[in-house]
Amino acid sequence: MKRRTLLSALAAGTAAAATGAALPAEAAGKRRRPRAKNGPITVAYIEVNNYSMLNAGKYTLANGGAQVIDIALIFAANINYDGTKAYLHFNEQVHDVLDNVATQVRPLQRKGIKVLLSILGNHQGAGFANFPDQASADAFAQELADAVNQYGLDGIDFDDEYVEYGNNGTGQPNDFSFVYLVQALREKLPNKLITLYDIGPSSERLEYNGQSIANTFDYAWWPYYGSWGVPHGPTDKSRLGPAAVSYTATSASTAAALAQRTVDEGYGVYLTYNLTDADTSSYMTAFTQKLYGSATVYKP
């Protein structure tokens, strides 16, 4: 699918899901819709312990008015361990976002932004790479799917950090665990996004017994901010993000250079991290000029 077509589909699908119905023809005719972007998608992780998810919807392109952020990630829920099995855990801030999706998530979805729940290790030994059997992986996949469906989210992001495999008597990474987990989640969420933050033992275990989950992911991105590296994941370059920048730790000049390289080499994703409550439009302009040929406008 062409990138421009994909962005249009993302916007239309999210709006319909959020409102429950399309706008009447008369109302749609009176509203001037922003032009779809032509270029890579921009992804933003938001640390909800400190900042609002709504920040993802405050930035548009000066030329055409499209949203800068296409995918916003709630960072982060956790994979925890209860002494017997892994389970999905929400801290207080994640709970607050999910319990208030009407005001924290739906406004973003109405703007065409996909909102995903990122899942992160929590130092307890339970991770995506050490489920002891297929049934355990399937059970955790069901918890993830239930959360997406309950809160009306657009998918799940896997981030295999801070697990500390082996803690609390848990097992070390095995070759089948992540494959079973992702296969089960895709079966349960056939029309949602599944993304990979390319880090940890899971990212190196995408194939088992002749079955690969590399193309099961909608997108995968590089995890090291301020640098470039082609991530494991889909074989289609339009679904990969080799550039990664942090709003608070990567210089604007580096962000611009990585954006230009993304375009020059034909990749389809540009990853950003730690979008704060401050006006970040001047920083964004450094990379949106390269990605889309437009400055960024802040609309609080």
C-alpha atoms as a PDB file:
ATOM      1  CA  MET A   1       0.000   0.000   0.000  1.00  0.00           C
ATOM      2  CA  LYS A   2       1.312   3.456  -0.875  1.00  0.00           C
ATOM      3  CA  ARG A   3       2.297   5.582   2.132  1.00  0.00           C
ATOM      4  CA  ARG A   4      -0.183   8.340   1.295  1.00  0.00           C
ATOM      5  CA  THR A   5      -2.989   5.821   0.963  1.00  0.00           C
ATOM      6  CA  LEU A   6      -2.013   4.201   4.255  1.00  0.00           C
ATOM      7  CA  LEU A   7      -2.120   7.484   6.136  1.00  0.00           C
ATOM      8  CA  SER A   8      -5.537   8.245   4.731  1.00  0.00           C
ATOM      9  CA  ALA A   9      -6.750   4.804   5.766  1.00  0.00           C
ATOM     10  CA  LEU A  10      -5.334   5.249   9.275  1.00  0.00           C
ATOM     11  CA  ALA A  11      -7.169   8.525   9.670  1.00  0.00           C
ATOM     12  CA  ALA A  12     -10.461   7.272   8.313  1.00  0.00           C
ATOM     13  CA  GLY A  13     -10.430   4.035  10.301  1.00  0.00           C
ATOM     14  CA  THR A  14      -9.608   5.730  13.591  1.00  0.00           C
ATOM     15  CA  ALA A  15     -12.210   8.444  13.181  1.00  0.00           C
ATOM     16  CA  ALA A  16     -14.915   5.914  12.413  1.00  0.00           C
ATOM     17  CA  ALA A  17     -13.951   3.795  15.412  1.00  0.00           C
ATOM     18  CA  ALA A  18     -13.936   6.782  17.721  1.00  0.00           C
ATOM     19  CA  THR A  19     -17.247   8.297  16.659  1.00  0.00           C
ATOM     20  CA  GLY A  20     -19.132   5.150  15.762  1.00  0.00           C
ATOM     21  CA  ALA A  21     -20.315   6.594  12.450  1.00  0.00           C
ATOM     22  CA  ALA A  22     -19.185   8.686   9.523  1.00  0.00           C
ATOM     23  CA  LEU A  23     -20.006  12.393   9.425  1.00  0.00           C
ATOM     24  CA  PRO A  24     -23.216  13.247   7.594  1.00  0.00           C
ATOM     25  CA  ALA A  25     -22.496  14.418   4.044  1.00  0.00           C
ATOM     26  CA  GLU A  26     -23.737  17.935   4.799  1.00  0.00           C
ATOM     27  CA  ALA A  27     -21.476  18.321   7.842  1.00  0.00           C
ATOM     28  CA  ALA A  28     -18.513  16.814   6.031  1.00  0.00           C
ATOM     29  CA  GLY A  29     -19.009  19.243   3.191  1.00  0.00           C
ATOM     30  CA  LYS A  30     -18.767  22.213   5.533  1.00  0.00           C
ATOM     31  CA  ARG A  31     -15.558  21.015   7.189  1.00  0.00           C
ATOM     32  CA  ARG A  32     -12.296  21.584   5.395  1.00  0.00           C
ATOM     33  CA  ARG A  33     -10.263  18.454   5.925  1.00  0.00           C
ATOM     34  CA  PRO A  34      -6.463  18.689   6.252  1.00  0.00           C
ATOM     35  CA  ARG A  35      -4.554  17.282   3.305  1.00  0.00           C
ATOM     36  CA  ALA A  36      -3.039  13.858   3.851  1.00  0.00           C
ATOM     37  CA  LYS A  37       0.711  13.837   4.381  1.00  0.00           C
ATOM     38  CA  ASN A  38       3.018  12.450   1.741  1.00  0.00           C
ATOM     39  CA  GLY A  39       6.033  10.893   3.425  1.00  0.00           C
ATOM     40  CA  PRO A  40       7.082   8.645   6.320  1.00  0.00           C
ATOM     41  CA  ILE A  41       4.849   8.286   9.355  1.00  0.00           C
ATOM     42  CA  THR A  42       6.016   9.921  12.588  1.00  0.00           C
ATOM     43  CA  VAL A  43       5.753   7.936  15.820  1.00  0.00           C
ATOM     44  CA  ALA A  44       5.952   9.357  19.358  1.00  0.00           C
ATOM     45  CA  TYR A  45       6.406   7.617  22.701  1.00  0.00           C
ATOM     46  CA  ILE A  46       4.891   9.620  25.544  1.00  0.00           C
ATOM     47  CA  GLU A  47       5.997   9.030  29.132  1.00  0.00           C
ATOM     48  CA  VAL A  48       2.586   9.240  30.778  1.00  0.00           C
ATOM     49  CA  ASN A  49       4.178   9.201  34.228  1.00  0.00           C
ATOM     50  CA  ASN A  50       5.159  12.789  33.471  1.00  0.00           C
ATOM     51  CA  TYR A  51       3.312  14.121  30.427  1.00  0.00           C
ATOM     52  CA  SER A  52      -0.118  14.162  28.782  1.00  0.00           C
ATOM     53  CA  MET A  53      -1.052  11.950  25.852  1.00  0.00           C
ATOM     54  CA  LEU A  54      -2.885  14.949  24.404  1.00  0.00           C
ATOM     55  CA  ASN A  55       0.461  16.494  23.469  1.00  0.00           C
ATOM     56  CA  ALA A  56       0.538  14.162  20.459  1.00  0.00           C
ATOM     57  CA  GLY A  57      -2.374  16.023  18.902  1.00  0.00           C
ATOM     58  CA  LYS A  58      -1.034  19.564  19.286  1.00  0.00           C
ATOM     59  CA  TYR A  59       1.233  19.645  16.246  1.00  0.00           C
ATOM     60  CA  THR A  60       0.235  20.116  12.616  1.00  0.00           C
ATOM     61  CA  LEU A  61       2.050  20.878   9.395  1.00  0.00           C
ATOM     62  CA  ALA A  62       1.980  24.492   8.292  1.00  0.00           C
ATOM     63  CA  ASN A  63       1.402  23.299   4.730  1.00  0.00           C
ATOM     64  CA  GLY A  64      -1.919  21.481   4.599  1.00  0.00           C
ATOM     65  CA  GLY A  65      -2.659  21.123   8.301  1.00  0.00           C
ATOM     66  CA  ALA A  66      -2.022  17.376   8.674  1.00  0.00           C
ATOM     67  CA  GLN A  67      -1.092  16.017  12.080  1.00  0.00           C
ATOM     68  CA  VAL A  68       2.650  15.580  12.608  1.00  0.00           C
ATOM     69  CA  ILE A  69       2.229  12.523  14.860  1.00  0.00           C
ATOM     70  CA  ASP A  70       0.617   9.490  13.239  1.00  0.00           C
ATOM     71  CA  ILE A  71       1.103   6.944  16.028  1.00  0.00           C
ATOM     72  CA  ALA A  72       1.218   7.845  19.742  1.00  0.00           C
ATOM     73  CA  LEU A  73       2.355   5.246  22.251  1.00  0.00           C
ATOM     74  CA  ILE A  74       1.211   5.116  25.864  1.00  0.00           C
ATOM     75  CA  PHE A  75       4.502   4.461  27.643  1.00  0.00           C
ATOM     76  CA  ALA A  76       4.173   2.151  29.378  1.00  0.00           C
ATOM     77  CA  ALA A  77       2.227  -0.763  30.791  1.00  0.00           C
ATOM     78  CA  ASN A  78       4.237  -3.662  32.216  1.00  0.00           C
ATOM     79  CA  ILE A  79       4.606  -7.387  32.012  1.00  0.00           C
ATOM     80  CA  ASN A  80       4.770  -8.463  35.678  1.00  0.00           C
ATOM     81  CA  TYR A  81       5.158 -11.780  37.500  1.00  0.00           C
ATOM     82  CA  ASP A  82       2.953 -13.081  40.311  1.00  0.00           C
ATOM     83  CA  GLY A  83       5.219 -15.978  41.312  1.00  0.00           C
ATOM     84  CA  THR A  84       3.492 -18.360  38.935  1.00  0.00           C
ATOM     85  CA  LYS A  85       2.752 -16.573  35.695  1.00  0.00           C
ATOM     86  CA  ALA A  86       3.183 -13.318  33.784  1.00  0.00           C
ATOM     87  CA  TYR A  87       0.366 -10.781  33.844  1.00  0.00           C
ATOM     88  CA  LEU A  88      -0.403  -7.341  32.430  1.00  0.00           C
ATOM     89  CA  HIS A  89       0.053  -4.490  34.902  1.00  0.00           C
ATOM     90  CA  PHE A  90      -0.906  -0.801  34.758  1.00  0.00           C
ATOM     91  CA  ASN A  91       0.703   1.702  37.078  1.00  0.00           C
ATOM     92  CA  GLU A  92      -1.316   4.635  38.424  1.00  0.00           C
ATOM     93  CA  GLN A  93      -0.583   6.955  35.519  1.00  0.00           C
ATOM     94  CA  VAL A  94      -1.347   4.363  32.838  1.00  0.00           C
ATOM     95  CA  HIS A  95      -4.541   3.514  34.695  1.00  0.00           C
ATOM     96  CA  ASP A  96      -5.461   7.190  34.625  1.00  0.00           C
ATOM     97  CA  VAL A  97      -5.049   7.361  30.844  1.00  0.00           C
ATOM     98  CA  LEU A  98      -7.036   4.186  30.263  1.00  0.00           C
ATOM     99  CA  ASP A  99      -9.778   5.050  32.732  1.00  0.00           C
ATOM    100  CA  ASN A 100     -10.168   8.387  30.970  1.00  0.00           C
ATOM    101  CA  VAL A 101      -9.916   7.344  27.334  1.00  0.00           C
ATOM    102  CA  ALA A 102     -12.807   9.665  26.473  1.00  0.00           C
ATOM    103  CA  THR A 103     -10.619  12.674  27.245  1.00  0.00           C
ATOM    104  CA  GLN A 104      -7.089  11.247  26.892  1.00  0.00           C
ATOM    105  CA  VAL A 105      -7.308   8.971  23.843  1.00  0.00           C
ATOM    106  CA  ARG A 106     -10.454   9.653  21.803  1.00  0.00           C
ATOM    107  CA  PRO A 107      -9.446  13.255  20.970  1.00  0.00           C
ATOM    108  CA  LEU A 108      -6.279  11.899  19.369  1.00  0.00           C
ATOM    109  CA  GLN A 109      -8.122   9.182  17.479  1.00  0.00           C
ATOM    110  CA  ARG A 110     -10.612  11.712  16.142  1.00  0.00           C
ATOM    111  CA  LYS A 111      -7.639  13.531  14.626  1.00  0.00           C
ATOM    112  CA  GLY A 112      -6.548  10.346  12.876  1.00  0.00           C
ATOM    113  CA  ILE A 113      -3.789   9.456  15.334  1.00  0.00           C
ATOM    114  CA  LYS A 114      -3.436   5.787  16.221  1.00  0.00           C
ATOM    115  CA  VAL A 115      -2.937   5.173  19.952  1.00  0.00           C
ATOM    116  CA  LEU A 116      -1.045   2.059  21.030  1.00  0.00           C
ATOM    117  CA  LEU A 117      -0.254   0.601  24.433  1.00  0.00           C
ATOM    118  CA  SER A 118       3.460  -0.080  24.865  1.00  0.00           C
ATOM    119  CA  ILE A 119       4.379  -3.073  27.060  1.00  0.00           C
ATOM    120  CA  LEU A 120       7.625  -2.995  29.026  1.00  0.00           C
ATOM    121  CA  GLY A 121       9.454  -5.297  31.452  1.00  0.00           C
ATOM    122  CA  ASN A 122       9.393  -4.460  35.160  1.00  0.00           C
ATOM    123  CA  HIS A 123      12.511  -6.090  36.705  1.00  0.00           C
ATOM    124  CA  GLN A 124      10.494  -9.111  37.860  1.00  0.00           C
ATOM    125  CA  GLY A 125      11.856 -11.713  35.433  1.00  0.00           C
ATOM    126  CA  ALA A 126       8.719 -12.069  33.299  1.00  0.00           C
ATOM    127  CA  GLY A 127       9.301 -11.141  29.660  1.00  0.00           C
ATOM    128  CA  PHE A 128       8.097 -11.839  26.155  1.00  0.00           C
ATOM    129  CA  ALA A 129      10.956 -14.276  25.562  1.00  0.00           C
ATOM    130  CA  ASN A 130      10.538 -16.723  28.475  1.00  0.00           C
ATOM    131  CA  PHE A 131       6.990 -18.043  28.465  1.00  0.00           C
ATOM    132  CA  PRO A 132       7.436 -21.704  29.376  1.00  0.00           C
ATOM    133  CA  ASP A 133       4.923 -23.003  26.835  1.00  0.00           C
ATOM    134  CA  GLN A 134       2.496 -21.964  24.108  1.00  0.00           C
ATOM    135  CA  ALA A 135      -0.494 -21.889  26.453  1.00  0.00           C
ATOM    136  CA  SER A 136       1.216 -19.324  28.699  1.00  0.00           C
ATOM    137  CA  ALA A 137       2.063 -17.124  25.735  1.00  0.00           C
ATOM    138  CA  ASP A 138      -1.522 -17.361  24.505  1.00  0.00           C
ATOM    139  CA  ALA A 139      -2.893 -16.401  27.920  1.00  0.00           C
ATOM    140  CA  PHE A 140      -0.806 -13.227  28.010  1.00  0.00           C
ATOM    141  CA  ALA A 141      -1.770 -12.427  24.421  1.00  0.00           C
ATOM    142  CA  GLN A 142      -5.400 -12.654  25.541  1.00  0.00           C
ATOM    143  CA  GLU A 143      -4.762 -10.108  28.310  1.00  0.00           C
ATOM    144  CA  LEU A 144      -3.239  -7.734  25.765  1.00  0.00           C
ATOM    145  CA  ALA A 145      -6.118  -8.206  23.346  1.00  0.00           C
ATOM    146  CA  ASP A 146      -8.663  -7.682  26.106  1.00  0.00           C
ATOM    147  CA  ALA A 147      -7.014  -4.373  27.068  1.00  0.00           C
ATOM    148  CA  VAL A 148      -7.016  -3.140  23.467  1.00  0.00           C
ATOM    149  CA  ASN A 149     -10.664  -4.055  23.023  1.00  0.00           C
ATOM    150  CA  GLN A 150     -11.830  -2.801  26.412  1.00  0.00           C
ATOM    151  CA  TYR A 151     -10.267   0.630  26.018  1.00  0.00           C
ATOM    152  CA  GLY A 152     -10.720   1.036  22.285  1.00  0.00           C
ATOM    153  CA  LEU A 153      -7.011   1.274  21.511  1.00  0.00           C
ATOM    154  CA  ASP A 154      -5.359   0.754  18.142  1.00  0.00           C
ATOM    155  CA  GLY A 155      -2.809  -1.891  19.043  1.00  0.00           C
ATOM    156  CA  ILE A 156       0.160  -3.113  21.076  1.00  0.00           C
ATOM    157  CA  ASP A 157       3.846  -2.214  21.062  1.00  0.00           C
ATOM    158  CA  PHE A 158       6.492  -4.633  22.403  1.00  0.00           C
ATOM    159  CA  ASP A 159       9.525  -3.218  24.262  1.00  0.00           C
ATOM    160  CA  ASP A 160      11.676  -5.988  25.757  1.00  0.00           C
ATOM    161  CA  GLU A 161      13.626  -3.908  28.287  1.00  0.00           C
ATOM    162  CA  TYR A 162      14.077  -4.021  32.072  1.00  0.00           C
ATOM    163  CA  VAL A 163      12.895  -7.623  32.383  1.00  0.00           C
ATOM    164  CA  GLU A 164      15.919  -9.042  34.215  1.00  0.00           C
ATOM    165  CA  TYR A 165      15.310 -12.561  32.954  1.00  0.00           C
ATOM    166  CA  GLY A 166      15.870 -15.147  35.672  1.00  0.00           C
ATOM    167  CA  ASN A 167      14.648 -12.999  38.573  1.00  0.00           C
ATOM    168  CA  ASN A 168      12.173 -14.660  40.934  1.00  0.00           C
ATOM    169  CA  GLY A 169      13.022 -18.085  39.527  1.00  0.00           C
ATOM    170  CA  THR A 170      11.855 -17.223  36.017  1.00  0.00           C
ATOM    171  CA  GLY A 171      13.380 -18.856  32.973  1.00  0.00           C
ATOM    172  CA  GLN A 172      15.954 -17.547  30.545  1.00  0.00           C
ATOM    173  CA  PRO A 173      14.886 -16.510  27.017  1.00  0.00           C
ATOM    174  CA  ASN A 174      13.887 -19.374  24.741  1.00  0.00           C
ATOM    175  CA  ASP A 175      13.397 -19.556  20.982  1.00  0.00           C
ATOM    176  CA  PHE A 176       9.636 -20.136  20.815  1.00  0.00           C
ATOM    177  CA  SER A 177       8.142 -17.775  23.397  1.00  0.00           C
ATOM    178  CA  PHE A 178       7.956 -14.510  21.445  1.00  0.00           C
ATOM    179  CA  VAL A 179       6.921 -16.249  18.237  1.00  0.00           C
ATOM    180  CA  TYR A 180       3.992 -17.910  20.012  1.00  0.00           C
ATOM    181  CA  LEU A 181       3.031 -14.644  21.722  1.00  0.00           C
ATOM    182  CA  VAL A 182       2.979 -12.528  18.569  1.00  0.00           C
ATOM    183  CA  GLN A 183       1.211 -15.196  16.525  1.00  0.00           C
ATOM    184  CA  ALA A 184      -1.483 -15.484  19.190  1.00  0.00           C
ATOM    185  CA  LEU A 185      -1.911 -11.727  19.465  1.00  0.00           C
ATOM    186  CA  ARG A 186      -2.252 -11.312  15.700  1.00  0.00           C
ATOM    187  CA  GLU A 187      -4.930 -13.992  15.660  1.00  0.00           C
ATOM    188  CA  LYS A 188      -6.832 -12.164  18.396  1.00  0.00           C
ATOM    189  CA  LEU A 189      -6.301  -8.692  16.911  1.00  0.00           C
ATOM    190  CA  PRO A 190      -6.324  -9.217  13.140  1.00  0.00           C
ATOM    191  CA  ASN A 191      -7.097  -5.574  12.340  1.00  0.00           C
ATOM    192  CA  LYS A 192      -5.000  -3.785  14.961  1.00  0.00           C
ATOM    193  CA  LEU A 193      -1.406  -2.580  14.881  1.00  0.00           C
ATOM    194  CA  ILE A 194       1.401  -4.648  16.419  1.00  0.00           C
ATOM    195  CA  THR A 195       4.769  -2.912  16.584  1.00  0.00           C
ATOM    196  CA  LEU A 196       8.287  -3.790  17.687  1.00  0.00           C
ATOM    197  CA  TYR A 197      10.789  -1.650  19.561  1.00  0.00           C
ATOM    198  CA  ASP A 198      13.861  -3.520  18.372  1.00  0.00           C
ATOM    199  CA  ILE A 199      15.626  -4.294  21.625  1.00  0.00           C
ATOM    200  CA  GLY A 200      16.193  -7.186  24.001  1.00  0.00           C
ATOM    201  CA  PRO A 201      16.211 -10.979  23.549  1.00  0.00           C
ATOM    202  CA  SER A 202      12.780 -10.996  21.883  1.00  0.00           C
ATOM    203  CA  SER A 203      13.914  -8.904  18.935  1.00  0.00           C
ATOM    204  CA  GLU A 204      16.522 -11.538  18.100  1.00  0.00           C
ATOM    205  CA  ARG A 205      14.032 -14.405  18.261  1.00  0.00           C
ATOM    206  CA  LEU A 206      11.579 -13.731  15.443  1.00  0.00           C
ATOM    207  CA  GLU A 207      11.729 -17.210  13.925  1.00  0.00           C
ATOM    208  CA  TYR A 208      11.025 -20.668  15.324  1.00  0.00           C
ATOM    209  CA  ASN A 209      10.582 -24.043  13.708  1.00  0.00           C
ATOM    210  CA  GLY A 210      10.508 -22.490  10.245  1.00  0.00           C
ATOM    211  CA  GLN A 211       7.891 -19.888  11.188  1.00  0.00           C
ATOM    212  CA  SER A 212       8.821 -16.196  11.093  1.00  0.00           C
ATOM    213  CA  ILE A 213       6.884 -13.371  12.724  1.00  0.00           C
ATOM    214  CA  ALA A 214       8.981 -10.631  11.097  1.00  0.00           C
ATOM    215  CA  ASN A 215       6.183  -9.579   8.759  1.00  0.00           C
ATOM    216  CA  THR A 216       3.505 -10.058  11.411  1.00  0.00           C
ATOM    217  CA  PHE A 217       4.553  -6.667  12.799  1.00  0.00           C
ATOM    218  CA  ASP A 218       3.033  -3.654  11.146  1.00  0.00           C
ATOM    219  CA  TYR A 219       6.090  -1.583  12.007  1.00  0.00           C
ATOM    220  CA  ALA A 220       9.446  -1.936  13.737  1.00  0.00           C
ATOM    221  CA  TRP A 221      11.860   0.791  14.803  1.00  0.00           C
ATOM    222  CA  TRP A 222      15.410   1.352  16.014  1.00  0.00           C
ATOM    223  CA  PRO A 223      15.702   1.859  19.799  1.00  0.00           C
ATOM    224  CA  TYR A 224      18.840   3.975  20.224  1.00  0.00           C
ATOM    225  CA  TYR A 225      18.095   7.696  20.192  1.00  0.00           C
ATOM    226  CA  GLY A 226      20.282   9.985  18.159  1.00  0.00           C
ATOM    227  CA  SER A 227      21.491   7.159  15.934  1.00  0.00           C
ATOM    228  CA  TRP A 228      20.637   5.066  12.886  1.00  0.00           C
ATOM    229  CA  GLY A 229      20.242   1.315  12.466  1.00  0.00           C
ATOM    230  CA  VAL A 230      17.929  -0.866  10.431  1.00  0.00           C
ATOM    231  CA  PRO A 231      15.718  -2.797  12.892  1.00  0.00           C
ATOM    232  CA  HIS A 232      14.666  -6.420  12.825  1.00  0.00           C
ATOM    233  CA  GLY A 233      11.119  -6.797  11.596  1.00  0.00           C
ATOM    234  CA  PRO A 234       9.180  -6.447   8.349  1.00  0.00           C
ATOM    235  CA  THR A 235      11.024  -6.867   5.072  1.00  0.00           C
ATOM    236  CA  ASP A 236       9.263  -3.842   3.543  1.00  0.00           C
ATOM    237  CA  LYS A 237      11.301  -0.648   4.100  1.00  0.00           C
ATOM    238  CA  SER A 238       8.096   1.393   4.316  1.00  0.00           C
ATOM    239  CA  ARG A 239       7.362  -0.386   7.612  1.00  0.00           C
ATOM    240  CA  LEU A 240      10.772   0.208   9.186  1.00  0.00           C
ATOM    241  CA  GLY A 241      12.179   3.124  11.180  1.00  0.00           C
ATOM    242  CA  PRO A 242      16.006   3.163  11.316  1.00  0.00           C
ATOM    243  CA  ALA A 243      16.103   6.703  12.756  1.00  0.00           C
ATOM    244  CA  ALA A 244      15.327   7.368  16.410  1.00  0.00           C
ATOM    245  CA  VAL A 245      15.411  10.724  18.204  1.00  0.00           C
ATOM    246  CA  SER A 246      14.623  11.988  21.682  1.00  0.00           C
ATOM    247  CA  TYR A 247      13.020  15.411  22.002  1.00  0.00           C
ATOM    248  CA  THR A 248      15.015  16.020  25.170  1.00  0.00           C
ATOM    249  CA  ALA A 249      18.334  14.344  24.339  1.00  0.00           C
ATOM    250  CA  THR A 250      18.935  14.553  20.564  1.00  0.00           C
ATOM    251  CA  SER A 251      20.001  17.793  18.897  1.00  0.00           C
ATOM    252  CA  ALA A 252      17.745  19.359  16.275  1.00  0.00           C
ATOM    253  CA  SER A 253      20.550  19.127  13.720  1.00  0.00           C
ATOM    254  CA  THR A 254      20.866  15.378  14.304  1.00  0.00           C
ATOM    255  CA  ALA A 255      17.082  14.987  14.110  1.00  0.00           C
ATOM    256  CA  ALA A 256      17.099  16.812  10.771  1.00  0.00           C
ATOM    257  CA  ALA A 257      19.974  14.725   9.399  1.00  0.00           C
ATOM    258  CA  LEU A 258      18.280  11.463  10.407  1.00  0.00           C
ATOM    259  CA  ALA A 259      15.015  12.624   8.847  1.00  0.00           C
ATOM    260  CA  GLN A 260      16.767  13.448   5.584  1.00  0.00           C
ATOM    261  CA  ARG A 261      18.416  10.040   5.550  1.00  0.00           C
ATOM    262  CA  THR A 262      15.035   8.391   6.189  1.00  0.00           C
ATOM    263  CA  VAL A 263      13.669  10.059   3.061  1.00  0.00           C
ATOM    264  CA  ASP A 264      16.794   9.532   0.957  1.00  0.00           C
ATOM    265  CA  GLU A 265      16.928   5.809   1.701  1.00  0.00           C
ATOM    266  CA  GLY A 266      13.211   5.211   1.284  1.00  0.00           C
ATOM    267  CA  TYR A 267      12.193   4.202   4.808  1.00  0.00           C
ATOM    268  CA  GLY A 268       8.647   4.738   5.998  1.00  0.00           C
ATOM    269  CA  VAL A 269       8.875   5.443   9.737  1.00  0.00           C
ATOM    270  CA  TYR A 270      10.502   8.168  11.856  1.00  0.00           C
ATOM    271  CA  LEU A 271      10.607   7.444  15.593  1.00  0.00           C
ATOM    272  CA  THR A 272      10.528  10.083  18.325  1.00  0.00           C
ATOM    273  CA  TYR A 273      10.578   9.733  22.111  1.00  0.00           C
ATOM    274  CA  ASN A 274       9.637  11.733  25.202  1.00  0.00           C
ATOM    275  CA  LEU A 275       7.253  14.337  23.834  1.00  0.00           C
ATOM    276  CA  THR A 276       6.786  16.721  26.754  1.00  0.00           C
ATOM    277  CA  ASP A 277       4.181  19.347  27.675  1.00  0.00           C
ATOM    278  CA  ALA A 278       6.356  22.162  26.290  1.00  0.00           C
ATOM    279  CA  ASP A 279       5.938  23.732  22.850  1.00  0.00           C
ATOM    280  CA  THR A 280       8.253  21.567  20.742  1.00  0.00           C
ATOM    281  CA  SER A 281       7.301  22.963  17.337  1.00  0.00           C
ATOM    282  CA  SER A 282      10.686  24.510  16.547  1.00  0.00           C
ATOM    283  CA  TYR A 283      12.401  21.164  17.205  1.00  0.00           C
ATOM    284  CA  MET A 284       9.796  19.322  15.142  1.00  0.00           C
ATOM    285  CA  THR A 285      10.241  21.775  12.289  1.00  0.00           C
ATOM    286  CA  ALA A 286      13.846  20.617  11.990  1.00  0.00           C
ATOM    287  CA  PHE A 287      12.674  17.144  10.991  1.00  0.00           C
ATOM    288  CA  THR A 288       9.278  17.879   9.403  1.00  0.00           C
ATOM    289  CA  GLN A 289      10.970  20.144   6.848  1.00  0.00           C
ATOM    290  CA  LYS A 290      12.981  17.107   5.760  1.00  0.00           C
ATOM    291  CA  LEU A 291      10.176  14.555   5.998  1.00  0.00           C
ATOM    292  CA  TYR A 292       7.297  16.624   4.582  1.00  0.00           C
ATOM    293  CA  GLY A 293       8.719  19.896   3.276  1.00  0.00           C
ATOM    294  CA  SER A 294       6.817  21.875   5.894  1.00  0.00           C
ATOM    295  CA  ALA A 295       7.309  23.650   9.191  1.00  0.00           C
ATOM    296  CA  THR A 296       5.407  22.525  12.284  1.00  0.00           C
ATOM    297  CA  VAL A 297       2.694  24.577  13.985  1.00  0.00           C
ATOM    298  CA  TYR A 298       1.828  24.218  17.685  1.00  0.00           C
ATOM    299  CA  LYS A 299      -1.875  24.328  18.519  1.00  0.00           C
ATOM    300  CA  PRO A 300      -2.393  23.917  22.293  1.00  0.00           C
END
